[in-house]
């Protein structure tokens, strides 16, 4: 099982588990298809969108672990 951190690239998360897309969409990250966003780390994207990176990482890891 993959462990997501604040340094994980968003594109890598989507490659690991594409069902994480709704998690990103619900916090306002609607640009998941653009090359720039796929290359950002979770921390970078959270700074741009005003989201707590630690909370997002926890939510993603819980989602992946529940599979």
PDB file of N, CA and C in Angstrom:
ATOM      1  N   UNK A   1       0.840  -1.183   0.000  1.00  0.00           N
ATOM      2  CA  UNK A   1       0.000   0.000   0.000  1.00  0.00           C
ATOM      3  C   UNK A   1       0.881   1.241   0.000  1.00  0.00           C
ATOM      4  N   UNK A   2       0.518   2.196  -0.807  1.00  0.00           N
ATOM      5  CA  UNK A   2       1.248   3.451  -0.884  1.00  0.00           C
ATOM      6  C   UNK A   2       0.906   4.327   0.315  1.00  0.00           C
ATOM      7  N   UNK A   3       1.892   5.088   0.755  1.00  0.00           N
ATOM      8  CA  UNK A   3       1.666   6.074   1.815  1.00  0.00           C
ATOM      9  C   UNK A   3       1.884   7.445   1.200  1.00  0.00           C
ATOM     10  N   UNK A   4       0.872   8.262   1.269  1.00  0.00           N
ATOM     11  CA  UNK A   4       0.903   9.608   0.703  1.00  0.00           C
ATOM     12  C   UNK A   4       1.434  10.574   1.749  1.00  0.00           C
ATOM     13  N   UNK A   5       2.310  11.486   1.312  1.00  0.00           N
ATOM     14  CA  UNK A   5       2.832  12.542   2.175  1.00  0.00           C
ATOM     15  C   UNK A   5       2.565  13.886   1.507  1.00  0.00           C
ATOM     16  N   UNK A   6       2.916  14.959   2.191  1.00  0.00           N
ATOM     17  CA  UNK A   6       2.760  16.300   1.606  1.00  0.00           C
ATOM     18  C   UNK A   6       3.663  16.488   0.398  1.00  0.00           C
ATOM     19  N   UNK A   7       4.707  15.668   0.289  1.00  0.00           N
ATOM     20  CA  UNK A   7       5.645  15.776  -0.824  1.00  0.00           C
ATOM     21  C   UNK A   7       5.269  14.904  -2.012  1.00  0.00           C
ATOM     22  N   UNK A   8       4.188  14.142  -1.887  1.00  0.00           N
ATOM     23  CA  UNK A   8       3.764  13.277  -2.980  1.00  0.00           C
ATOM     24  C   UNK A   8       3.191  14.122  -4.111  1.00  0.00           C
ATOM     25  N   UNK A   9       3.543  13.770  -5.330  1.00  0.00           N
ATOM     26  CA  UNK A   9       3.048  14.468  -6.516  1.00  0.00           C
ATOM     27  C   UNK A   9       1.599  14.043  -6.773  1.00  0.00           C
ATOM     28  N   UNK A  10       0.751  15.017  -7.056  1.00  0.00           N
ATOM     29  CA  UNK A  10      -0.665  14.733  -7.264  1.00  0.00           C
ATOM     30  C   UNK A  10      -0.871  13.727  -8.395  1.00  0.00           C
ATOM     31  N   UNK A  11      -0.121  13.861  -9.466  1.00  0.00           N
ATOM     32  CA  UNK A  11      -0.238  12.904 -10.568  1.00  0.00           C
ATOM     33  C   UNK A  11       0.055  11.486 -10.122  1.00  0.00           C
ATOM     34  N   UNK A  12       1.005  11.329  -9.206  1.00  0.00           N
ATOM     35  CA  UNK A  12       1.318   9.994  -8.692  1.00  0.00           C
ATOM     36  C   UNK A  12       0.157   9.437  -7.875  1.00  0.00           C
ATOM     37  N   UNK A  13      -0.487  10.294  -7.104  1.00  0.00           N
ATOM     38  CA  UNK A  13      -1.648   9.853  -6.316  1.00  0.00           C
ATOM     39  C   UNK A  13      -2.757   9.380  -7.247  1.00  0.00           C
ATOM     40  N   UNK A  14      -3.008  10.149  -8.295  1.00  0.00           N
ATOM     41  CA  UNK A  14      -4.058   9.780  -9.236  1.00  0.00           C
ATOM     42  C   UNK A  14      -3.719   8.491  -9.975  1.00  0.00           C
ATOM     43  N   UNK A  15      -2.433   8.259 -10.227  1.00  0.00           N
ATOM     44  CA  UNK A  15      -2.012   7.010 -10.866  1.00  0.00           C
ATOM     45  C   UNK A  15      -2.165   5.827  -9.913  1.00  0.00           C
ATOM     46  N   UNK A  16      -1.912   6.058  -8.632  1.00  0.00           N
ATOM     47  CA  UNK A  16      -2.044   4.999  -7.627  1.00  0.00           C
ATOM     48  C   UNK A  16      -3.506   4.619  -7.438  1.00  0.00           C
ATOM     49  N   UNK A  17      -4.370   5.640  -7.365  1.00  0.00           N
ATOM     50  CA  UNK A  17      -5.791   5.378  -7.110  1.00  0.00           C
ATOM     51  C   UNK A  17      -6.626   6.514  -7.692  1.00  0.00           C
ATOM     52  N   UNK A  18      -7.179   6.280  -8.851  1.00  0.00           N
ATOM     53  CA  UNK A  18      -7.962   7.335  -9.507  1.00  0.00           C
ATOM     54  C   UNK A  18      -9.252   7.658  -8.773  1.00  0.00           C
ATOM     55  N   UNK A  19      -9.650   6.807  -7.823  1.00  0.00           N
ATOM     56  CA  UNK A  19     -10.869   7.115  -7.062  1.00  0.00           C
ATOM     57  C   UNK A  19     -10.635   8.210  -6.025  1.00  0.00           C
ATOM     58  N   UNK A  20      -9.416   8.747  -5.955  1.00  0.00           N
ATOM     59  CA  UNK A  20      -9.145   9.881  -5.077  1.00  0.00           C
ATOM     60  C   UNK A  20      -9.594  11.206  -5.708  1.00  0.00           C
ATOM     61  N   UNK A  21      -9.952  11.186  -6.981  1.00  0.00           N
ATOM     62  CA  UNK A  21     -10.356  12.412  -7.672  1.00  0.00           C
ATOM     63  C   UNK A  21     -11.422  13.191  -6.907  1.00  0.00           C
ATOM     64  N   UNK A  22     -12.506  12.566  -6.432  1.00  0.00           N
ATOM     65  CA  UNK A  22     -13.527  13.343  -5.710  1.00  0.00           C
ATOM     66  C   UNK A  22     -12.991  14.052  -4.464  1.00  0.00           C
ATOM     67  N   UNK A  23     -11.982  13.498  -3.837  1.00  0.00           N
ATOM     68  CA  UNK A  23     -11.392  14.147  -2.654  1.00  0.00           C
ATOM     69  C   UNK A  23     -10.781  15.481  -3.058  1.00  0.00           C
ATOM     70  N   UNK A  24     -10.080  15.487  -4.185  1.00  0.00           N
ATOM     71  CA  UNK A  24      -9.483  16.728  -4.671  1.00  0.00           C
ATOM     72  C   UNK A  24     -10.560  17.701  -5.140  1.00  0.00           C
ATOM     73  N   UNK A  25     -11.563  17.194  -5.824  1.00  0.00           N
ATOM     74  CA  UNK A  25     -12.631  18.067  -6.327  1.00  0.00           C
ATOM     75  C   UNK A  25     -13.399  18.741  -5.207  1.00  0.00           C
ATOM     76  N   UNK A  26     -13.645  18.025  -4.116  1.00  0.00           N
ATOM     77  CA  UNK A  26     -14.449  18.605  -3.036  1.00  0.00           C
ATOM     78  C   UNK A  26     -13.737  19.731  -2.299  1.00  0.00           C
ATOM     79  N   UNK A  27     -12.420  19.834  -2.440  1.00  0.00           N
ATOM     80  CA  UNK A  27     -11.711  20.955  -1.814  1.00  0.00           C
ATOM     81  C   UNK A  27     -11.360  22.043  -2.823  1.00  0.00           C
ATOM     82  N   UNK A  28     -11.901  21.921  -4.040  1.00  0.00           N
ATOM     83  CA  UNK A  28     -11.725  22.982  -5.023  1.00  0.00           C
ATOM     84  C   UNK A  28     -10.603  22.780  -6.014  1.00  0.00           C
ATOM     85  N   UNK A  29      -9.985  21.628  -6.022  1.00  0.00           N
ATOM     86  CA  UNK A  29      -8.923  21.350  -6.991  1.00  0.00           C
ATOM     87  C   UNK A  29      -9.553  20.756  -8.247  1.00  0.00           C
ATOM     88  N   UNK A  30     -10.063  21.636  -9.105  1.00  0.00           N
ATOM     89  CA  UNK A  30     -10.792  21.196 -10.290  1.00  0.00           C
ATOM     90  C   UNK A  30      -9.905  21.096 -11.527  1.00  0.00           C
ATOM     91  N   UNK A  31      -8.632  21.369 -11.382  1.00  0.00           N
ATOM     92  CA  UNK A  31      -7.737  21.390 -12.541  1.00  0.00           C
ATOM     93  C   UNK A  31      -6.861  20.137 -12.590  1.00  0.00           C
ATOM     94  N   UNK A  32      -7.368  19.005 -12.186  1.00  0.00           N
ATOM     95  CA  UNK A  32      -6.573  17.784 -12.086  1.00  0.00           C
ATOM     96  C   UNK A  32      -6.070  17.282 -13.435  1.00  0.00           C
ATOM     97  N   UNK A  33      -6.704  17.674 -14.513  1.00  0.00           N
ATOM     98  CA  UNK A  33      -6.280  17.224 -15.833  1.00  0.00           C
ATOM     99  C   UNK A  33      -5.164  18.045 -16.435  1.00  0.00           C
ATOM    100  N   UNK A  34      -4.893  19.214 -15.880  1.00  0.00           N
ATOM    101  CA  UNK A  34      -3.853  20.053 -16.481  1.00  0.00           C
ATOM    102  C   UNK A  34      -2.472  19.559 -16.048  1.00  0.00           C
ATOM    103  N   UNK A  35      -1.510  19.611 -16.954  1.00  0.00           N
ATOM    104  CA  UNK A  35      -0.166  19.091 -16.650  1.00  0.00           C
ATOM    105  C   UNK A  35       0.482  19.757 -15.435  1.00  0.00           C
ATOM    106  N   UNK A  36       0.229  21.026 -15.225  1.00  0.00           N
ATOM    107  CA  UNK A  36       0.857  21.722 -14.098  1.00  0.00           C
ATOM    108  C   UNK A  36       0.378  21.149 -12.772  1.00  0.00           C
ATOM    109  N   UNK A  37      -0.921  20.903 -12.653  1.00  0.00           N
ATOM    110  CA  UNK A  37      -1.432  20.408 -11.378  1.00  0.00           C
ATOM    111  C   UNK A  37      -0.980  18.975 -11.115  1.00  0.00           C
ATOM    112  N   UNK A  38      -0.864  18.173 -12.133  1.00  0.00           N
ATOM    113  CA  UNK A  38      -0.409  16.791 -11.953  1.00  0.00           C
ATOM    114  C   UNK A  38       1.040  16.752 -11.477  1.00  0.00           C
ATOM    115  N   UNK A  39       1.793  17.806 -11.718  1.00  0.00           N
ATOM    116  CA  UNK A  39       3.195  17.847 -11.317  1.00  0.00           C
ATOM    117  C   UNK A  39       3.439  18.504  -9.968  1.00  0.00           C
ATOM    118  N   UNK A  40       2.382  19.028  -9.354  1.00  0.00           N
ATOM    119  CA  UNK A  40       2.512  19.682  -8.052  1.00  0.00           C
ATOM    120  C   UNK A  40       2.496  18.663  -6.925  1.00  0.00           C
ATOM    121  N   UNK A  41       3.164  19.017  -5.841  1.00  0.00           N
ATOM    122  CA  UNK A  41       3.045  18.202  -4.636  1.00  0.00           C
ATOM    123  C   UNK A  41       1.732  18.549  -3.950  1.00  0.00           C
ATOM    124  N   UNK A  42       1.312  17.692  -3.054  1.00  0.00           N
ATOM    125  CA  UNK A  42       0.101  17.956  -2.279  1.00  0.00           C
ATOM    126  C   UNK A  42       0.255  19.278  -1.532  1.00  0.00           C
ATOM    127  N   UNK A  43       1.407  19.493  -0.943  1.00  0.00           N
ATOM    128  CA  UNK A  43       1.640  20.713  -0.170  1.00  0.00           C
ATOM    129  C   UNK A  43       1.531  21.962  -1.043  1.00  0.00           C
ATOM    130  N   UNK A  44       2.101  21.926  -2.242  1.00  0.00           N
ATOM    131  CA  UNK A  44       2.043  23.073  -3.148  1.00  0.00           C
ATOM    132  C   UNK A  44       0.595  23.376  -3.540  1.00  0.00           C
ATOM    133  N   UNK A  45      -0.135  22.340  -3.889  1.00  0.00           N
ATOM    134  CA  UNK A  45      -1.531  22.527  -4.298  1.00  0.00           C
ATOM    135  C   UNK A  45      -2.376  23.057  -3.145  1.00  0.00           C
ATOM    136  N   UNK A  46      -2.122  22.566  -1.952  1.00  0.00           N
ATOM    137  CA  UNK A  46      -2.883  23.023  -0.784  1.00  0.00           C
ATOM    138  C   UNK A  46      -2.617  24.489  -0.487  1.00  0.00           C
ATOM    139  N   UNK A  47      -1.391  24.928  -0.666  1.00  0.00           N
ATOM    140  CA  UNK A  47      -1.077  26.344  -0.449  1.00  0.00           C
ATOM    141  C   UNK A  47      -1.875  27.214  -1.409  1.00  0.00           C
ATOM    142  N   UNK A  48      -1.956  26.809  -2.669  1.00  0.00           N
ATOM    143  CA  UNK A  48      -2.676  27.580  -3.680  1.00  0.00           C
ATOM    144  C   UNK A  48      -4.172  27.623  -3.379  1.00  0.00           C
ATOM    145  N   UNK A  49      -4.715  26.512  -2.871  1.00  0.00           N
ATOM    146  CA  UNK A  49      -6.153  26.407  -2.659  1.00  0.00           C
ATOM    147  C   UNK A  49      -6.581  26.693  -1.220  1.00  0.00           C
ATOM    148  N   UNK A  50      -5.631  27.052  -0.348  1.00  0.00           N
ATOM    149  CA  UNK A  50      -5.972  27.393   1.030  1.00  0.00           C
ATOM    150  C   UNK A  50      -6.498  26.225   1.833  1.00  0.00           C
ATOM    151  N   UNK A  51      -5.904  25.058   1.620  1.00  0.00           N
ATOM    152  CA  UNK A  51      -6.345  23.835   2.286  1.00  0.00           C
ATOM    153  C   UNK A  51      -5.234  23.339   3.201  1.00  0.00           C
ATOM    154  N   UNK A  52      -5.601  22.752   4.324  1.00  0.00           N
ATOM    155  CA  UNK A  52      -4.622  22.188   5.249  1.00  0.00           C
ATOM    156  C   UNK A  52      -4.061  20.897   4.641  1.00  0.00           C
ATOM    157  N   UNK A  53      -2.779  20.891   4.336  1.00  0.00           N
ATOM    158  CA  UNK A  53      -2.144  19.741   3.679  1.00  0.00           C
ATOM    159  C   UNK A  53      -2.174  18.492   4.546  1.00  0.00           C
ATOM    160  N   UNK A  54      -1.991  18.653   5.850  1.00  0.00           N
ATOM    161  CA  UNK A  54      -1.996  17.487   6.737  1.00  0.00           C
ATOM    162  C   UNK A  54      -3.363  16.807   6.743  1.00  0.00           C
ATOM    163  N   UNK A  55      -4.425  17.599   6.750  1.00  0.00           N
ATOM    164  CA  UNK A  55      -5.776  17.036   6.734  1.00  0.00           C
ATOM    165  C   UNK A  55      -6.044  16.309   5.414  1.00  0.00           C
ATOM    166  N   UNK A  56      -5.604  16.906   4.314  1.00  0.00           N
ATOM    167  CA  UNK A  56      -5.814  16.278   3.013  1.00  0.00           C
ATOM    168  C   UNK A  56      -5.041  14.967   2.912  1.00  0.00           C
ATOM    169  N   UNK A  57      -3.796  14.962   3.359  1.00  0.00           N
ATOM    170  CA  UNK A  57      -2.978  13.746   3.329  1.00  0.00           C
ATOM    171  C   UNK A  57      -3.643  12.655   4.151  1.00  0.00           C
ATOM    172  N   UNK A  58      -4.142  12.997   5.325  1.00  0.00           N
ATOM    173  CA  UNK A  58      -4.810  12.014   6.177  1.00  0.00           C
ATOM    174  C   UNK A  58      -6.041  11.440   5.475  1.00  0.00           C
ATOM    175  N   UNK A  59      -6.827  12.306   4.875  1.00  0.00           N
ATOM    176  CA  UNK A  59      -8.043  11.857   4.197  1.00  0.00           C
ATOM    177  C   UNK A  59      -7.711  10.929   3.023  1.00  0.00           C
ATOM    178  N   UNK A  60      -6.697  11.276   2.252  1.00  0.00           N
ATOM    179  CA  UNK A  60      -6.303  10.437   1.114  1.00  0.00           C
ATOM    180  C   UNK A  60      -5.788   9.089   1.598  1.00  0.00           C
ATOM    181  N   UNK A  61      -4.937   9.096   2.616  1.00  0.00           N
ATOM    182  CA  UNK A  61      -4.397   7.835   3.136  1.00  0.00           C
ATOM    183  C   UNK A  61      -5.500   6.943   3.702  1.00  0.00           C
ATOM    184  N   UNK A  62      -6.482   7.524   4.379  1.00  0.00           N
ATOM    185  CA  UNK A  62      -7.606   6.751   4.889  1.00  0.00           C
ATOM    186  C   UNK A  62      -8.418   6.152   3.744  1.00  0.00           C
ATOM    187  N   UNK A  63      -8.609   6.945   2.707  1.00  0.00           N
ATOM    188  CA  UNK A  63      -9.359   6.477   1.543  1.00  0.00           C
ATOM    189  C   UNK A  63      -8.647   5.284   0.880  1.00  0.00           C
ATOM    190  N   UNK A  64      -7.360   5.404   0.695  1.00  0.00           N
ATOM    191  CA  UNK A  64      -6.589   4.330   0.062  1.00  0.00           C
ATOM    192  C   UNK A  64      -6.557   3.091   0.952  1.00  0.00           C
ATOM    193  N   UNK A  65      -6.444   3.285   2.254  1.00  0.00           N
ATOM    194  CA  UNK A  65      -6.374   2.147   3.184  1.00  0.00           C
ATOM    195  C   UNK A  65      -7.692   1.382   3.253  1.00  0.00           C
ATOM    196  N   UNK A  66      -8.806   2.076   2.993  1.00  0.00           N
ATOM    197  CA  UNK A  66     -10.122   1.442   3.067  1.00  0.00           C
ATOM    198  C   UNK A  66     -10.416   0.545   1.873  1.00  0.00           C
ATOM    199  N   UNK A  67      -9.558   0.519   0.892  1.00  0.00           N
ATOM    200  CA  UNK A  67      -9.811  -0.284  -0.312  1.00  0.00           C
ATOM    201  C   UNK A  67      -9.438  -1.710  -0.102  1.00  0.00           C
TER     202      UNK A  67
END
